[in-house]
């Protein structure tokens, strides 16, 4: 991981992700923190935290970019090859703690893979 300057924006954004495996969309972060930080600052800090292996991002429903905490990643390599689940009823998005094997494709090198599973979460399924 690179050197993360502990600015107020970094501190606030890291605090938003302290709840575990729940992902947060960039749009939600801007809505929640827009009075404190401008949109450019929020995106800049998110990009820096992703570059440093603290967060990973993926595309969700409607093309929104979502961020979640990394587990064992570094600035040189993201190891977050796992599916994400998005509830179609309540909108909750989280990381699924399951291993997904990527196929080996001749004459190709996979560098990024995203798997989004949609359905109903444990709270909405009942």
Protein backbone atom coordinates (compact mmCIF):
# COMPACT_ATOMS: atom_id res chain seq x y z
CA UNK A 1 0.00 0.00 0.00
CA UNK A 2 1.22 3.48 -0.82
CA UNK A 3 1.43 6.34 1.60
CA UNK A 4 -2.04 7.61 2.41
CA UNK A 5 -2.12 11.15 3.70
CA UNK A 6 -4.59 11.24 6.57
CA UNK A 7 -6.55 14.23 5.38
CA UNK A 8 -10.03 14.93 6.71
CA UNK A 9 -11.54 13.66 3.44
CA UNK A 10 -9.59 10.38 3.63
CA UNK A 11 -10.58 9.90 7.26
CA UNK A 12 -14.28 10.54 6.59
CA UNK A 13 -14.39 8.28 3.53
CA UNK A 14 -12.55 5.43 5.27
CA UNK A 15 -15.03 5.72 8.13
CA UNK A 16 -17.89 5.18 5.66
CA UNK A 17 -16.42 1.77 4.79
CA UNK A 18 -15.80 0.62 8.37
CA UNK A 19 -19.03 -1.41 8.46
CA UNK A 20 -17.64 -4.51 6.72
CA UNK A 21 -18.63 -6.04 3.42
CA UNK A 22 -21.26 -3.49 2.44
CA UNK A 23 -20.51 -1.56 -0.74
CA UNK A 24 -21.35 2.11 -1.23
CA UNK A 25 -21.99 3.82 -4.55
CA UNK A 26 -20.09 6.94 -5.50
CA UNK A 27 -23.48 8.61 -5.99
CA UNK A 28 -24.50 7.82 -2.40
CA UNK A 29 -21.20 9.10 -1.02
CA UNK A 30 -21.62 12.37 -2.92
CA UNK A 31 -25.20 12.72 -1.63
CA UNK A 32 -24.12 12.02 1.97
CA UNK A 33 -20.89 14.04 1.99
CA UNK A 34 -21.61 16.71 -0.62
CA UNK A 35 -22.12 19.39 2.03
CA UNK A 36 -18.69 18.64 3.53
CA UNK A 37 -16.57 17.86 0.43
CA UNK A 38 -17.09 18.65 -3.22
CA UNK A 39 -17.62 15.90 -5.77
CA UNK A 40 -14.10 16.24 -7.21
CA UNK A 41 -12.51 15.68 -3.79
CA UNK A 42 -14.65 12.61 -3.15
CA UNK A 43 -13.75 11.04 -6.51
CA UNK A 44 -10.06 11.93 -6.09
CA UNK A 45 -9.89 10.28 -2.66
CA UNK A 46 -11.81 7.20 -3.87
CA UNK A 47 -9.41 6.83 -6.81
CA UNK A 48 -6.40 7.18 -4.50
CA UNK A 49 -7.76 4.60 -2.03
CA UNK A 50 -8.39 2.22 -4.92
CA UNK A 51 -4.90 2.77 -6.34
CA UNK A 52 -3.45 2.04 -2.88
CA UNK A 53 -5.35 -1.26 -2.52
CA UNK A 54 -7.64 -0.04 0.25
CA UNK A 55 -10.85 -0.09 -1.81
CA UNK A 56 -11.98 -1.89 -4.93
CA UNK A 57 -14.67 -0.78 -7.35
CA UNK A 58 -17.17 -2.45 -9.64
CA UNK A 59 -20.14 -1.48 -11.75
CA UNK A 60 -23.61 -2.13 -10.39
CA UNK A 61 -27.12 -1.84 -11.72
CA UNK A 62 -27.68 1.16 -13.98
CA UNK A 63 -23.91 1.54 -14.48
CA UNK A 64 -23.29 3.11 -11.07
CA UNK A 65 -19.77 2.71 -9.70
CA UNK A 66 -19.63 1.02 -6.29
CA UNK A 67 -16.76 0.81 -3.81
CA UNK A 68 -16.01 -1.72 -1.07
CA UNK A 69 -13.12 -2.45 1.27
CA UNK A 70 -10.31 -4.61 -0.07
CA UNK A 71 -9.07 -7.70 1.70
CA UNK A 72 -5.37 -8.44 1.27
CA UNK A 73 -4.81 -6.12 -1.69
CA UNK A 74 -1.84 -3.88 -2.33
CA UNK A 75 -1.10 -0.97 -4.61
CA UNK A 76 0.51 -3.47 -7.00
CA UNK A 77 -2.21 -6.15 -7.04
CA UNK A 78 -5.93 -6.36 -6.31
CA UNK A 79 -6.92 -9.81 -5.08
CA UNK A 80 -10.64 -9.07 -4.80
CA UNK A 81 -11.81 -11.63 -7.34
CA UNK A 82 -15.22 -12.28 -5.84
CA UNK A 83 -18.81 -11.70 -6.87
CA UNK A 84 -20.94 -8.85 -5.59
CA UNK A 85 -24.65 -9.13 -4.81
CA UNK A 86 -27.17 -6.35 -5.42
CA UNK A 87 -30.67 -6.63 -3.99
CA UNK A 88 -33.24 -5.60 -6.56
CA UNK A 89 -35.75 -4.75 -3.83
CA UNK A 90 -33.88 -2.66 -1.22
CA UNK A 91 -30.76 -1.81 -3.26
CA UNK A 92 -28.19 -3.17 -0.76
CA UNK A 93 -24.91 -4.19 -2.40
CA UNK A 94 -22.27 -6.33 -0.72
CA UNK A 95 -19.28 -8.55 -1.38
CA UNK A 96 -19.93 -12.28 -1.39
CA UNK A 97 -17.31 -14.32 0.48
CA UNK A 98 -17.14 -17.06 -2.12
CA UNK A 99 -14.31 -18.03 -4.42
CA UNK A 100 -14.89 -17.77 -8.15
CA UNK A 101 -12.53 -19.53 -10.52
CA UNK A 102 -11.81 -17.64 -13.68
CA UNK A 103 -11.26 -19.70 -16.80
CA UNK A 104 -7.91 -19.65 -18.52
CA UNK A 105 -8.36 -18.28 -22.01
CA UNK A 106 -5.73 -19.09 -24.62
CA UNK A 107 -3.77 -16.06 -25.83
CA UNK A 108 -5.43 -13.80 -23.25
CA UNK A 109 -4.43 -12.37 -19.88
CA UNK A 110 -7.32 -11.47 -17.58
CA UNK A 111 -6.50 -8.40 -15.53
CA UNK A 112 -9.94 -7.33 -14.32
CA UNK A 113 -13.08 -9.35 -13.83
CA UNK A 114 -16.43 -8.26 -12.44
CA UNK A 115 -19.33 -10.49 -11.45
CA UNK A 116 -22.56 -8.87 -10.26
CA UNK A 117 -25.34 -11.15 -9.04
CA UNK A 118 -28.77 -9.61 -8.60
CA UNK A 119 -31.77 -10.87 -6.69
CA UNK A 120 -33.26 -10.49 -3.21
CA UNK A 121 -31.08 -10.17 -0.10
CA UNK A 122 -31.64 -12.07 3.15
CA UNK A 123 -33.89 -9.28 4.52
CA UNK A 124 -36.06 -8.99 1.40
CA UNK A 125 -36.20 -12.71 0.58
CA UNK A 126 -38.37 -13.54 3.60
